[in-house]
């Protein structure tokens, strides 16, 4: 399948893809006015946090600038790993003037890759580098190599995120999702957008700007 034919299929998948979500029924989302997004654990954690911030802003959330957040974390010698206790969450809430924190983990991040498959007739053999990761699709023959074919894999990303009440340290919302895209940023964006859409019905702090 050519890449141009694959794009509509991926866009259709993006439209129906949804994260696995859990919501704490005791949480009062009406009290959440301002939030901060900490760097995610795992590879490309800063990118995931930046894209989460972008998705929140696009839905009208009031989000602390991440550079200011990092500066406060360094000044207070606080861990940016996202693994902190309720006391630390409360301290950050007071220092930053936020009501909730978003933390997360990049559980998997496999970039898009390409491979050349060589076939010979005498003797009849096929050589191919082992392909791991996302869906494989063909981009046709390689110029000057009539018995070869270029294969590519999609980027694969898996994210987990939690929304933490800074006053209690309790998890208010949690979500996880795996997604395949043409590259890691686009796959991550699809996930973070889906995360924030799942919060829209329960968090009054989100709205579509007019």
N, C-alpha and C. Protein backbone atom coordinates (compact mmCIF):
# COMPACT_ATOMS: atom_id res chain seq x y z
N UNK A 1 0.85 -1.20 0.00
CA UNK A 1 0.00 0.00 0.00
C UNK A 1 0.88 1.24 0.00
N UNK A 2 0.60 2.16 -0.89
CA UNK A 2 1.37 3.40 -0.96
C UNK A 2 1.06 4.28 0.25
N UNK A 3 2.04 5.13 0.60
CA UNK A 3 1.85 6.00 1.75
C UNK A 3 0.65 6.91 1.56
N UNK A 4 0.44 7.41 0.31
CA UNK A 4 -0.68 8.31 0.10
C UNK A 4 -2.02 7.60 0.31
N UNK A 5 -2.06 6.28 0.12
CA UNK A 5 -3.28 5.53 0.35
C UNK A 5 -3.45 5.20 1.82
N UNK A 6 -2.34 5.19 2.56
CA UNK A 6 -2.41 4.86 3.98
C UNK A 6 -2.93 6.02 4.80
N UNK A 7 -2.69 7.28 4.36
CA UNK A 7 -3.06 8.45 5.15
C UNK A 7 -4.54 8.49 5.50
N UNK A 8 -5.49 8.29 4.54
CA UNK A 8 -6.90 8.31 4.93
C UNK A 8 -7.23 7.25 5.97
N UNK A 9 -6.58 6.08 5.87
CA UNK A 9 -6.85 5.01 6.83
C UNK A 9 -6.41 5.42 8.23
N UNK A 10 -5.24 6.07 8.32
CA UNK A 10 -4.75 6.51 9.63
C UNK A 10 -5.62 7.62 10.19
N UNK A 11 -6.08 8.51 9.32
CA UNK A 11 -6.95 9.59 9.80
C UNK A 11 -8.28 9.02 10.31
N UNK A 12 -8.79 8.00 9.65
CA UNK A 12 -10.02 7.36 10.11
C UNK A 12 -9.80 6.70 11.46
N UNK A 13 -8.63 6.05 11.62
CA UNK A 13 -8.31 5.43 12.89
C UNK A 13 -8.21 6.47 13.99
N UNK A 14 -7.59 7.63 13.66
CA UNK A 14 -7.43 8.70 14.65
C UNK A 14 -8.78 9.20 15.13
N UNK A 15 -9.76 9.22 14.23
CA UNK A 15 -11.07 9.75 14.58
C UNK A 15 -11.79 8.87 15.59
N UNK A 16 -11.51 7.54 15.55
CA UNK A 16 -12.25 6.64 16.42
C UNK A 16 -11.41 6.12 17.59
N UNK A 17 -10.11 6.47 17.61
CA UNK A 17 -9.25 5.98 18.69
C UNK A 17 -9.61 6.68 20.00
N UNK A 18 -9.70 5.92 21.05
CA UNK A 18 -10.01 6.48 22.36
C UNK A 18 -9.09 5.90 23.42
N UNK A 19 -8.74 6.68 24.43
CA UNK A 19 -7.88 6.17 25.49
C UNK A 19 -8.67 5.35 26.51
N UNK A 20 -7.95 4.56 27.28
CA UNK A 20 -8.54 3.87 28.42
C UNK A 20 -8.49 4.83 29.60
N UNK A 21 -9.66 5.17 30.15
CA UNK A 21 -9.75 6.24 31.14
C UNK A 21 -10.36 5.74 32.44
N UNK A 22 -9.82 6.23 33.56
CA UNK A 22 -10.40 5.98 34.88
C UNK A 22 -10.55 7.32 35.60
N UNK A 23 -11.70 7.54 36.24
CA UNK A 23 -11.99 8.80 36.92
C UNK A 23 -12.33 8.51 38.38
N UNK A 24 -11.73 9.28 39.29
CA UNK A 24 -12.04 9.16 40.71
C UNK A 24 -13.40 9.82 40.97
N UNK A 25 -14.41 9.05 41.38
CA UNK A 25 -15.76 9.62 41.56
C UNK A 25 -15.84 10.63 42.70
N UNK A 26 -14.84 10.66 43.57
CA UNK A 26 -14.85 11.60 44.70
C UNK A 26 -14.25 12.96 44.32
N UNK A 27 -13.68 13.06 43.15
CA UNK A 27 -12.98 14.28 42.75
C UNK A 27 -13.95 15.39 42.35
N UNK A 28 -13.61 16.62 42.73
CA UNK A 28 -14.39 17.79 42.36
C UNK A 28 -13.62 18.58 41.31
N UNK A 29 -13.93 18.36 40.06
CA UNK A 29 -13.22 19.02 38.97
C UNK A 29 -13.58 20.49 38.86
N UNK A 30 -14.69 20.90 39.47
CA UNK A 30 -15.10 22.30 39.39
C UNK A 30 -14.12 23.21 40.12
N UNK A 31 -13.32 22.66 41.04
CA UNK A 31 -12.35 23.46 41.79
C UNK A 31 -11.02 23.59 41.09
N UNK A 32 -10.84 22.95 39.94
CA UNK A 32 -9.57 23.00 39.22
C UNK A 32 -9.59 24.15 38.21
N UNK A 33 -8.86 25.22 38.55
CA UNK A 33 -8.84 26.41 37.71
C UNK A 33 -7.54 26.55 36.92
N UNK A 34 -6.44 26.11 37.52
CA UNK A 34 -5.13 26.29 36.89
C UNK A 34 -4.30 25.02 37.11
N UNK A 35 -3.54 24.60 36.08
CA UNK A 35 -2.80 23.34 36.17
C UNK A 35 -1.37 23.51 35.68
N UNK A 36 -0.55 22.51 35.98
CA UNK A 36 0.82 22.45 35.49
C UNK A 36 1.07 21.05 34.96
N UNK A 37 1.95 20.94 33.97
CA UNK A 37 2.29 19.65 33.38
C UNK A 37 3.76 19.37 33.64
N UNK A 38 4.05 18.32 34.42
CA UNK A 38 5.42 17.94 34.69
C UNK A 38 5.97 17.09 33.54
N UNK A 39 7.29 17.07 33.40
CA UNK A 39 7.92 16.22 32.39
C UNK A 39 7.52 14.77 32.62
N UNK A 40 7.20 14.07 31.54
CA UNK A 40 6.85 12.67 31.65
C UNK A 40 8.10 11.83 31.88
N UNK A 41 7.94 10.71 32.56
CA UNK A 41 9.02 9.74 32.64
C UNK A 41 9.21 9.07 31.29
N UNK A 42 10.41 8.56 31.05
CA UNK A 42 10.64 7.79 29.84
C UNK A 42 11.23 8.61 28.71
N UNK A 43 11.56 7.94 27.60
CA UNK A 43 12.17 8.63 26.45
C UNK A 43 11.22 9.65 25.85
N UNK A 44 11.79 10.82 25.49
CA UNK A 44 11.02 11.93 24.92
C UNK A 44 9.92 12.41 25.87
N UNK A 45 10.21 12.34 27.16
CA UNK A 45 9.24 12.77 28.17
C UNK A 45 8.96 14.27 28.11
N UNK A 46 10.00 15.07 27.79
CA UNK A 46 9.79 16.52 27.68
C UNK A 46 8.88 16.84 26.51
N UNK A 47 9.07 16.13 25.39
CA UNK A 47 8.22 16.34 24.23
C UNK A 47 6.77 15.99 24.55
N UNK A 48 6.57 14.87 25.24
CA UNK A 48 5.21 14.45 25.60
C UNK A 48 4.54 15.51 26.48
N UNK A 49 5.29 16.07 27.44
CA UNK A 49 4.74 17.09 28.34
C UNK A 49 4.42 18.37 27.57
N UNK A 50 5.29 18.76 26.64
CA UNK A 50 5.04 19.95 25.84
C UNK A 50 3.77 19.79 24.99
N UNK A 51 3.60 18.60 24.41
CA UNK A 51 2.42 18.36 23.57
C UNK A 51 1.15 18.26 24.42
N UNK A 52 1.29 17.74 25.64
CA UNK A 52 0.15 17.70 26.56
C UNK A 52 -0.26 19.13 26.92
N UNK A 53 0.73 19.99 27.15
CA UNK A 53 0.46 21.39 27.44
C UNK A 53 -0.26 22.05 26.26
N UNK A 54 0.22 21.78 25.04
CA UNK A 54 -0.41 22.34 23.85
C UNK A 54 -1.86 21.89 23.73
N UNK A 55 -2.12 20.61 23.97
CA UNK A 55 -3.49 20.09 23.87
C UNK A 55 -4.39 20.73 24.91
N UNK A 56 -3.87 20.94 26.11
CA UNK A 56 -4.65 21.60 27.16
C UNK A 56 -4.99 23.03 26.77
N UNK A 57 -4.00 23.75 26.26
CA UNK A 57 -4.22 25.14 25.87
C UNK A 57 -5.25 25.25 24.76
N UNK A 58 -5.21 24.31 23.81
CA UNK A 58 -6.16 24.34 22.70
C UNK A 58 -7.59 24.13 23.18
N UNK A 59 -7.75 23.51 24.34
CA UNK A 59 -9.09 23.29 24.90
C UNK A 59 -9.43 24.32 25.97
N UNK A 60 -8.62 25.39 26.06
CA UNK A 60 -8.96 26.51 26.93
C UNK A 60 -8.48 26.41 28.36
N UNK A 61 -7.62 25.44 28.68
CA UNK A 61 -7.13 25.30 30.05
C UNK A 61 -6.13 26.40 30.39
N UNK A 62 -6.08 26.77 31.66
CA UNK A 62 -5.10 27.71 32.17
C UNK A 62 -3.90 26.90 32.65
N UNK A 63 -2.78 26.99 31.91
CA UNK A 63 -1.62 26.12 32.16
C UNK A 63 -0.39 26.95 32.45
N UNK A 64 0.35 26.56 33.48
CA UNK A 64 1.61 27.22 33.82
C UNK A 64 2.64 26.99 32.71
N UNK A 65 3.40 28.02 32.36
CA UNK A 65 4.49 27.89 31.41
C UNK A 65 5.50 26.87 31.93
N UNK A 66 5.90 25.91 31.09
CA UNK A 66 6.74 24.82 31.54
C UNK A 66 8.15 25.28 31.94
N UNK A 67 8.66 26.33 31.33
CA UNK A 67 9.97 26.83 31.72
C UNK A 67 9.93 27.38 33.15
N UNK A 68 8.84 28.05 33.50
CA UNK A 68 8.68 28.54 34.86
C UNK A 68 8.57 27.38 35.83
N UNK A 69 7.83 26.35 35.44
CA UNK A 69 7.69 25.16 36.28
C UNK A 69 9.05 24.52 36.53
N UNK A 70 9.84 24.34 35.46
CA UNK A 70 11.16 23.72 35.61
C UNK A 70 12.07 24.56 36.50
N UNK A 71 11.95 25.88 36.37
CA UNK A 71 12.77 26.78 37.20
C UNK A 71 12.43 26.62 38.67
N UNK A 72 11.15 26.56 38.99
CA UNK A 72 10.72 26.38 40.38
C UNK A 72 11.17 25.02 40.91
N UNK A 73 11.06 23.99 40.09
CA UNK A 73 11.47 22.65 40.50
C UNK A 73 12.96 22.62 40.84
N UNK A 74 13.76 23.30 40.02
CA UNK A 74 15.21 23.33 40.28
C UNK A 74 15.51 24.12 41.54
N UNK A 75 14.87 25.28 41.71
CA UNK A 75 15.12 26.12 42.88
C UNK A 75 14.78 25.40 44.18
N UNK A 76 13.74 24.58 44.13
CA UNK A 76 13.29 23.87 45.33
C UNK A 76 13.91 22.48 45.44
N UNK A 77 14.79 22.14 44.50
CA UNK A 77 15.45 20.82 44.47
C UNK A 77 14.42 19.70 44.50
N UNK A 78 13.35 19.86 43.71
CA UNK A 78 12.30 18.86 43.64
C UNK A 78 12.51 17.97 42.43
N UNK A 79 12.14 16.72 42.56
CA UNK A 79 12.29 15.76 41.48
C UNK A 79 11.30 16.06 40.36
N UNK A 80 11.75 15.93 39.11
CA UNK A 80 10.87 16.10 37.96
C UNK A 80 10.37 14.76 37.43
N UNK A 81 10.59 13.70 38.18
CA UNK A 81 10.26 12.36 37.69
C UNK A 81 8.76 12.09 37.69
N UNK A 82 7.97 12.87 38.41
CA UNK A 82 6.55 12.59 38.51
C UNK A 82 6.22 11.63 39.63
N UNK A 83 7.26 11.11 40.31
CA UNK A 83 7.05 10.20 41.43
C UNK A 83 7.26 10.98 42.72
N UNK A 84 6.22 11.61 43.22
CA UNK A 84 6.36 12.41 44.42
C UNK A 84 5.19 12.14 45.34
N UNK A 85 5.37 12.50 46.60
CA UNK A 85 4.33 12.22 47.60
C UNK A 85 3.35 13.38 47.68
N UNK A 86 2.23 13.21 48.41
CA UNK A 86 1.23 14.28 48.52
C UNK A 86 1.79 15.58 49.07
N UNK A 87 2.77 15.50 49.97
CA UNK A 87 3.34 16.72 50.53
C UNK A 87 4.05 17.53 49.45
N UNK A 88 4.76 16.84 48.55
CA UNK A 88 5.45 17.52 47.46
C UNK A 88 4.44 18.13 46.50
N UNK A 89 3.37 17.40 46.21
CA UNK A 89 2.33 17.92 45.33
C UNK A 89 1.73 19.19 45.91
N UNK A 90 1.49 19.18 47.22
CA UNK A 90 0.90 20.36 47.88
C UNK A 90 1.87 21.53 47.85
N UNK A 91 3.17 21.25 48.03
CA UNK A 91 4.18 22.29 47.98
C UNK A 91 4.24 22.93 46.59
N UNK A 92 4.20 22.09 45.57
CA UNK A 92 4.22 22.60 44.20
C UNK A 92 2.97 23.43 43.92
N UNK A 93 1.84 22.97 44.40
CA UNK A 93 0.60 23.71 44.20
C UNK A 93 0.69 25.10 44.80
N UNK A 94 1.27 25.20 45.99
CA UNK A 94 1.40 26.49 46.66
C UNK A 94 2.39 27.39 45.93
N UNK A 95 3.53 26.83 45.51
CA UNK A 95 4.57 27.61 44.84
C UNK A 95 4.14 28.11 43.47
N UNK A 96 3.37 27.29 42.76
CA UNK A 96 3.00 27.61 41.39
C UNK A 96 1.62 28.24 41.28
N UNK A 97 0.83 28.15 42.34
CA UNK A 97 -0.53 28.67 42.29
C UNK A 97 -1.42 27.85 41.40
N UNK A 98 -1.23 26.51 41.45
CA UNK A 98 -2.05 25.62 40.62
C UNK A 98 -2.89 24.71 41.52
N UNK A 99 -3.95 24.18 40.94
CA UNK A 99 -4.87 23.31 41.67
C UNK A 99 -4.64 21.84 41.38
N UNK A 100 -3.98 21.54 40.26
CA UNK A 100 -3.74 20.15 39.89
C UNK A 100 -2.48 20.05 39.04
N UNK A 101 -1.88 18.87 39.06
CA UNK A 101 -0.69 18.59 38.27
C UNK A 101 -0.98 17.44 37.32
N UNK A 102 -0.42 17.53 36.12
CA UNK A 102 -0.45 16.40 35.19
C UNK A 102 0.93 15.76 35.18
N UNK A 103 0.98 14.48 35.44
CA UNK A 103 2.22 13.71 35.37
C UNK A 103 2.00 12.56 34.40
N UNK A 104 3.08 11.92 33.95
CA UNK A 104 2.87 10.83 33.01
C UNK A 104 4.13 10.05 32.71
N UNK A 105 3.97 9.06 31.85
CA UNK A 105 5.06 8.18 31.46
C UNK A 105 4.96 7.87 29.97
N UNK A 106 6.10 7.93 29.29
CA UNK A 106 6.18 7.43 27.92
C UNK A 106 6.57 5.96 28.03
N UNK A 107 5.58 5.08 27.89
CA UNK A 107 5.84 3.65 28.08
C UNK A 107 6.52 3.04 26.86
N UNK A 108 6.28 3.62 25.69
CA UNK A 108 6.90 3.12 24.47
C UNK A 108 7.00 4.24 23.46
N UNK A 109 8.12 4.26 22.74
CA UNK A 109 8.32 5.29 21.73
C UNK A 109 9.22 4.71 20.63
N UNK A 110 8.60 4.17 19.59
CA UNK A 110 9.35 3.54 18.50
C UNK A 110 9.22 4.39 17.25
N UNK A 111 10.33 4.92 16.73
CA UNK A 111 10.24 5.81 15.57
C UNK A 111 9.88 5.07 14.29
N UNK A 112 9.42 5.83 13.32
CA UNK A 112 9.16 5.29 11.99
C UNK A 112 10.49 4.83 11.38
N UNK A 113 10.49 3.70 10.70
CA UNK A 113 11.71 3.15 10.10
C UNK A 113 11.42 2.63 8.70
N UNK A 114 12.48 2.47 7.91
CA UNK A 114 12.35 1.91 6.57
C UNK A 114 13.35 0.77 6.37
N UNK A 115 12.97 -0.21 5.55
CA UNK A 115 13.80 -1.38 5.31
C UNK A 115 13.74 -1.75 3.83
N UNK A 116 14.85 -2.25 3.31
CA UNK A 116 14.88 -2.73 1.94
C UNK A 116 14.89 -4.26 1.95
N UNK A 117 13.94 -4.83 1.19
CA UNK A 117 13.84 -6.28 1.07
C UNK A 117 14.45 -6.67 -0.28
N UNK A 118 15.48 -7.52 -0.27
CA UNK A 118 16.15 -7.96 -1.48
C UNK A 118 15.72 -9.38 -1.83
N UNK A 119 15.36 -9.60 -3.09
CA UNK A 119 14.99 -10.93 -3.57
C UNK A 119 15.88 -11.31 -4.74
N UNK A 120 16.38 -12.53 -4.70
CA UNK A 120 17.20 -13.03 -5.80
C UNK A 120 16.59 -14.31 -6.34
N UNK A 121 16.72 -14.56 -7.67
CA UNK A 121 16.10 -15.70 -8.31
C UNK A 121 17.00 -16.94 -8.30
N UNK A 122 18.30 -16.75 -8.34
CA UNK A 122 19.21 -17.89 -8.46
C UNK A 122 20.39 -17.75 -7.50
N UNK A 123 20.35 -18.45 -6.37
CA UNK A 123 19.22 -19.25 -5.89
C UNK A 123 18.11 -18.33 -5.37
N UNK A 124 16.88 -18.87 -5.28
CA UNK A 124 15.75 -18.07 -4.84
C UNK A 124 15.87 -17.78 -3.34
N UNK A 125 16.20 -16.58 -2.99
CA UNK A 125 16.36 -16.18 -1.58
C UNK A 125 15.76 -14.80 -1.38
N UNK A 126 15.37 -14.54 -0.18
CA UNK A 126 14.87 -13.22 0.22
C UNK A 126 15.58 -12.81 1.50
N UNK A 127 16.15 -11.64 1.49
CA UNK A 127 16.82 -11.13 2.68
C UNK A 127 16.09 -9.88 3.15
N UNK A 128 15.83 -9.79 4.44
CA UNK A 128 15.12 -8.65 5.02
C UNK A 128 15.57 -8.45 6.46
N UNK A 129 15.77 -7.21 6.81
CA UNK A 129 16.08 -6.91 8.21
C UNK A 129 14.80 -7.08 9.02
N UNK A 130 14.92 -7.74 10.19
CA UNK A 130 13.73 -7.98 11.01
C UNK A 130 13.05 -6.66 11.36
N UNK A 131 11.75 -6.61 11.21
CA UNK A 131 10.97 -5.41 11.46
C UNK A 131 10.22 -5.57 12.77
N UNK A 132 10.40 -4.63 13.68
CA UNK A 132 9.66 -4.60 14.93
C UNK A 132 8.87 -3.31 15.00
N UNK A 133 7.79 -3.30 15.72
CA UNK A 133 7.07 -2.05 15.96
C UNK A 133 5.73 -2.01 15.27
N UNK A 134 5.50 -0.92 14.52
CA UNK A 134 4.16 -0.66 14.02
C UNK A 134 3.80 -1.38 12.74
N UNK A 135 2.69 -0.97 12.19
CA UNK A 135 2.18 -1.54 10.95
C UNK A 135 3.19 -1.35 9.82
N UNK A 136 3.32 -2.37 8.97
CA UNK A 136 4.25 -2.32 7.84
C UNK A 136 3.49 -2.00 6.57
N UNK A 137 4.01 -1.10 5.75
CA UNK A 137 3.39 -0.83 4.47
C UNK A 137 4.47 -0.64 3.41
N UNK A 138 4.11 -0.89 2.16
CA UNK A 138 5.06 -0.86 1.05
C UNK A 138 5.08 0.51 0.40
N UNK A 139 6.29 0.94 0.03
CA UNK A 139 6.44 2.19 -0.71
C UNK A 139 6.92 1.92 -2.13
N UNK A 140 6.82 0.65 -2.56
CA UNK A 140 7.15 0.31 -3.94
C UNK A 140 8.59 -0.15 -4.11
N UNK A 141 9.00 -0.29 -5.36
CA UNK A 141 10.34 -0.78 -5.66
C UNK A 141 11.37 0.32 -5.47
N UNK A 142 12.62 -0.11 -5.30
CA UNK A 142 13.73 0.82 -5.13
C UNK A 142 14.34 1.08 -6.50
N UNK A 143 14.50 2.36 -6.88
CA UNK A 143 15.04 2.72 -8.19
C UNK A 143 16.41 2.08 -8.39
N UNK A 144 16.57 1.41 -9.52
CA UNK A 144 17.85 0.77 -9.83
C UNK A 144 18.00 -0.60 -9.22
N UNK A 145 17.01 -1.04 -8.46
CA UNK A 145 17.06 -2.36 -7.81
C UNK A 145 15.71 -3.04 -8.05
N UNK A 146 15.53 -3.62 -9.26
CA UNK A 146 14.22 -4.16 -9.65
C UNK A 146 13.72 -5.31 -8.78
N UNK A 147 14.61 -6.00 -8.11
CA UNK A 147 14.21 -7.13 -7.26
C UNK A 147 14.13 -6.75 -5.79
N UNK A 148 14.04 -5.45 -5.52
CA UNK A 148 13.99 -4.99 -4.14
C UNK A 148 12.72 -4.19 -3.90
N UNK A 149 12.35 -4.08 -2.65
CA UNK A 149 11.17 -3.30 -2.27
C UNK A 149 11.46 -2.55 -0.98
N UNK A 150 10.96 -1.32 -0.90
CA UNK A 150 11.14 -0.51 0.30
C UNK A 150 9.92 -0.69 1.21
N UNK A 151 10.15 -1.12 2.43
CA UNK A 151 9.08 -1.27 3.41
C UNK A 151 9.30 -0.28 4.54
N UNK A 152 8.22 0.26 5.08
CA UNK A 152 8.32 1.20 6.20
C UNK A 152 7.39 0.78 7.32
N UNK A 153 7.75 1.16 8.52
CA UNK A 153 6.87 0.95 9.67
C UNK A 153 6.41 2.30 10.20
N UNK A 154 5.23 2.33 10.75
CA UNK A 154 4.75 3.56 11.39
C UNK A 154 5.40 3.72 12.76
N UNK A 155 5.45 4.96 13.24
CA UNK A 155 5.92 5.21 14.60
C UNK A 155 4.87 4.71 15.58
N UNK A 156 5.32 4.17 16.70
CA UNK A 156 4.39 3.64 17.70
C UNK A 156 4.70 4.30 19.06
N UNK A 157 3.65 4.83 19.69
CA UNK A 157 3.82 5.52 20.98
C UNK A 157 2.77 5.03 21.96
N UNK A 158 3.17 4.85 23.21
CA UNK A 158 2.24 4.51 24.29
C UNK A 158 2.46 5.48 25.44
N UNK A 159 1.40 6.20 25.83
CA UNK A 159 1.49 7.18 26.90
C UNK A 159 0.52 6.84 28.02
N UNK A 160 0.94 7.17 29.25
CA UNK A 160 0.07 7.10 30.41
C UNK A 160 0.13 8.45 31.09
N UNK A 161 -1.01 8.95 31.60
CA UNK A 161 -1.02 10.24 32.27
C UNK A 161 -2.00 10.22 33.43
N UNK A 162 -1.71 11.08 34.44
CA UNK A 162 -2.57 11.20 35.61
C UNK A 162 -2.73 12.68 35.96
N UNK A 163 -3.91 13.01 36.47
CA UNK A 163 -4.18 14.36 36.97
C UNK A 163 -4.27 14.25 38.48
N UNK A 164 -3.43 15.01 39.19
CA UNK A 164 -3.30 14.88 40.65
C UNK A 164 -3.76 16.15 41.35
N UNK A 165 -4.65 16.00 42.31
CA UNK A 165 -5.12 17.11 43.14
C UNK A 165 -3.99 17.51 44.09
N UNK A 166 -3.54 18.78 44.03
CA UNK A 166 -2.40 19.18 44.84
C UNK A 166 -2.74 19.27 46.32
N UNK A 167 -4.01 19.45 46.67
CA UNK A 167 -4.39 19.56 48.08
C UNK A 167 -4.39 18.21 48.78
N UNK A 168 -4.78 17.19 48.09
CA UNK A 168 -4.91 15.86 48.71
C UNK A 168 -3.88 14.86 48.22
N UNK A 169 -3.28 15.12 47.05
CA UNK A 169 -2.37 14.16 46.45
C UNK A 169 -3.11 13.02 45.78
N UNK A 170 -4.43 13.08 45.73
CA UNK A 170 -5.23 12.01 45.14
C UNK A 170 -5.23 12.12 43.61
N UNK A 171 -5.26 10.97 42.96
CA UNK A 171 -5.39 10.93 41.51
C UNK A 171 -6.85 11.19 41.15
N UNK A 172 -7.08 12.21 40.32
CA UNK A 172 -8.43 12.56 39.93
C UNK A 172 -8.86 11.84 38.65
N UNK A 173 -7.89 11.68 37.76
CA UNK A 173 -8.15 11.13 36.42
C UNK A 173 -6.89 10.43 35.96
N UNK A 174 -7.06 9.33 35.26
CA UNK A 174 -5.92 8.59 34.72
C UNK A 174 -6.29 8.05 33.35
N UNK A 175 -5.33 8.06 32.43
CA UNK A 175 -5.61 7.57 31.07
C UNK A 175 -4.36 6.95 30.47
N UNK A 176 -4.57 5.99 29.59
CA UNK A 176 -3.48 5.37 28.85
C UNK A 176 -3.94 5.12 27.43
N UNK A 177 -2.99 5.15 26.51
CA UNK A 177 -3.36 4.96 25.10
C UNK A 177 -2.13 4.61 24.28
N UNK A 178 -2.32 3.74 23.31
CA UNK A 178 -1.29 3.39 22.34
C UNK A 178 -1.74 3.89 20.97
N UNK A 179 -0.80 4.42 20.18
CA UNK A 179 -1.19 4.99 18.89
C UNK A 179 -0.05 4.84 17.89
N UNK A 180 -0.41 4.61 16.62
CA UNK A 180 0.55 4.55 15.53
C UNK A 180 0.37 5.77 14.64
N UNK A 181 1.49 6.42 14.30
CA UNK A 181 1.45 7.58 13.43
C UNK A 181 2.65 7.59 12.51
N UNK A 182 2.73 8.61 11.64
CA UNK A 182 3.85 8.69 10.70
C UNK A 182 5.16 9.03 11.41
N UNK A 183 5.09 9.75 12.53
CA UNK A 183 6.28 10.03 13.32
C UNK A 183 5.87 10.15 14.78
N UNK A 184 6.85 10.24 15.67
CA UNK A 184 6.57 10.25 17.11
C UNK A 184 5.78 11.49 17.53
N UNK A 185 6.14 12.72 17.09
CA UNK A 185 5.35 13.89 17.51
C UNK A 185 3.88 13.80 17.12
N UNK A 186 3.59 13.35 15.89
CA UNK A 186 2.19 13.27 15.47
C UNK A 186 1.44 12.20 16.25
N UNK A 187 2.12 11.08 16.55
CA UNK A 187 1.47 10.03 17.34
C UNK A 187 1.19 10.52 18.76
N UNK A 188 2.16 11.23 19.36
CA UNK A 188 1.97 11.76 20.71
C UNK A 188 0.85 12.80 20.73
N UNK A 189 0.79 13.65 19.71
CA UNK A 189 -0.24 14.67 19.66
C UNK A 189 -1.63 14.05 19.59
N UNK A 190 -1.76 12.98 18.81
CA UNK A 190 -3.04 12.29 18.71
C UNK A 190 -3.47 11.75 20.08
N UNK A 191 -2.50 11.27 20.85
CA UNK A 191 -2.82 10.72 22.18
C UNK A 191 -3.19 11.84 23.15
N UNK A 192 -2.38 12.90 23.21
CA UNK A 192 -2.66 13.97 24.17
C UNK A 192 -3.98 14.67 23.85
N UNK A 193 -4.28 14.83 22.56
CA UNK A 193 -5.58 15.41 22.18
C UNK A 193 -6.73 14.53 22.67
N UNK A 194 -6.56 13.20 22.52
CA UNK A 194 -7.60 12.27 22.97
C UNK A 194 -7.73 12.31 24.49
N UNK A 195 -6.61 12.45 25.19
CA UNK A 195 -6.65 12.56 26.66
C UNK A 195 -7.51 13.75 27.09
N UNK A 196 -7.25 14.91 26.49
CA UNK A 196 -7.96 16.11 26.90
C UNK A 196 -9.43 16.06 26.50
N UNK A 197 -9.72 15.44 25.36
CA UNK A 197 -11.12 15.27 24.99
C UNK A 197 -11.88 14.44 26.01
N UNK A 198 -11.20 13.46 26.61
CA UNK A 198 -11.85 12.63 27.62
C UNK A 198 -12.16 13.41 28.89
N UNK A 199 -11.43 14.53 29.11
CA UNK A 199 -11.66 15.37 30.28
C UNK A 199 -12.74 16.42 30.06
N UNK A 200 -13.02 16.74 28.81
CA UNK A 200 -13.96 17.82 28.50
C UNK A 200 -15.33 17.67 29.16
N UNK A 201 -15.93 16.47 29.19
CA UNK A 201 -17.27 16.35 29.79
C UNK A 201 -17.30 16.50 31.31
N UNK A 202 -16.15 16.34 31.97
CA UNK A 202 -16.14 16.32 33.44
C UNK A 202 -15.39 17.48 34.07
N UNK A 203 -14.66 18.25 33.28
CA UNK A 203 -13.84 19.35 33.82
C UNK A 203 -14.35 20.67 33.26
N UNK A 204 -15.03 21.46 34.08
CA UNK A 204 -15.55 22.76 33.61
C UNK A 204 -14.46 23.74 33.20
N UNK A 205 -13.22 23.50 33.61
CA UNK A 205 -12.12 24.39 33.27
C UNK A 205 -11.73 24.32 31.82
N UNK A 206 -12.29 23.38 31.07
CA UNK A 206 -12.01 23.27 29.64
C UNK A 206 -13.16 23.85 28.85
N UNK A 207 -12.83 24.54 27.76
CA UNK A 207 -13.86 25.07 26.88
C UNK A 207 -13.23 25.33 25.53
N UNK A 208 -14.07 25.40 24.52
CA UNK A 208 -13.60 25.75 23.19
C UNK A 208 -13.62 27.27 23.03
N UNK A 209 -12.44 27.89 22.80
CA UNK A 209 -12.44 29.34 22.61
C UNK A 209 -13.32 29.74 21.45
N UNK A 210 -14.03 30.85 21.59
CA UNK A 210 -14.92 31.32 20.53
C UNK A 210 -14.12 32.03 19.44
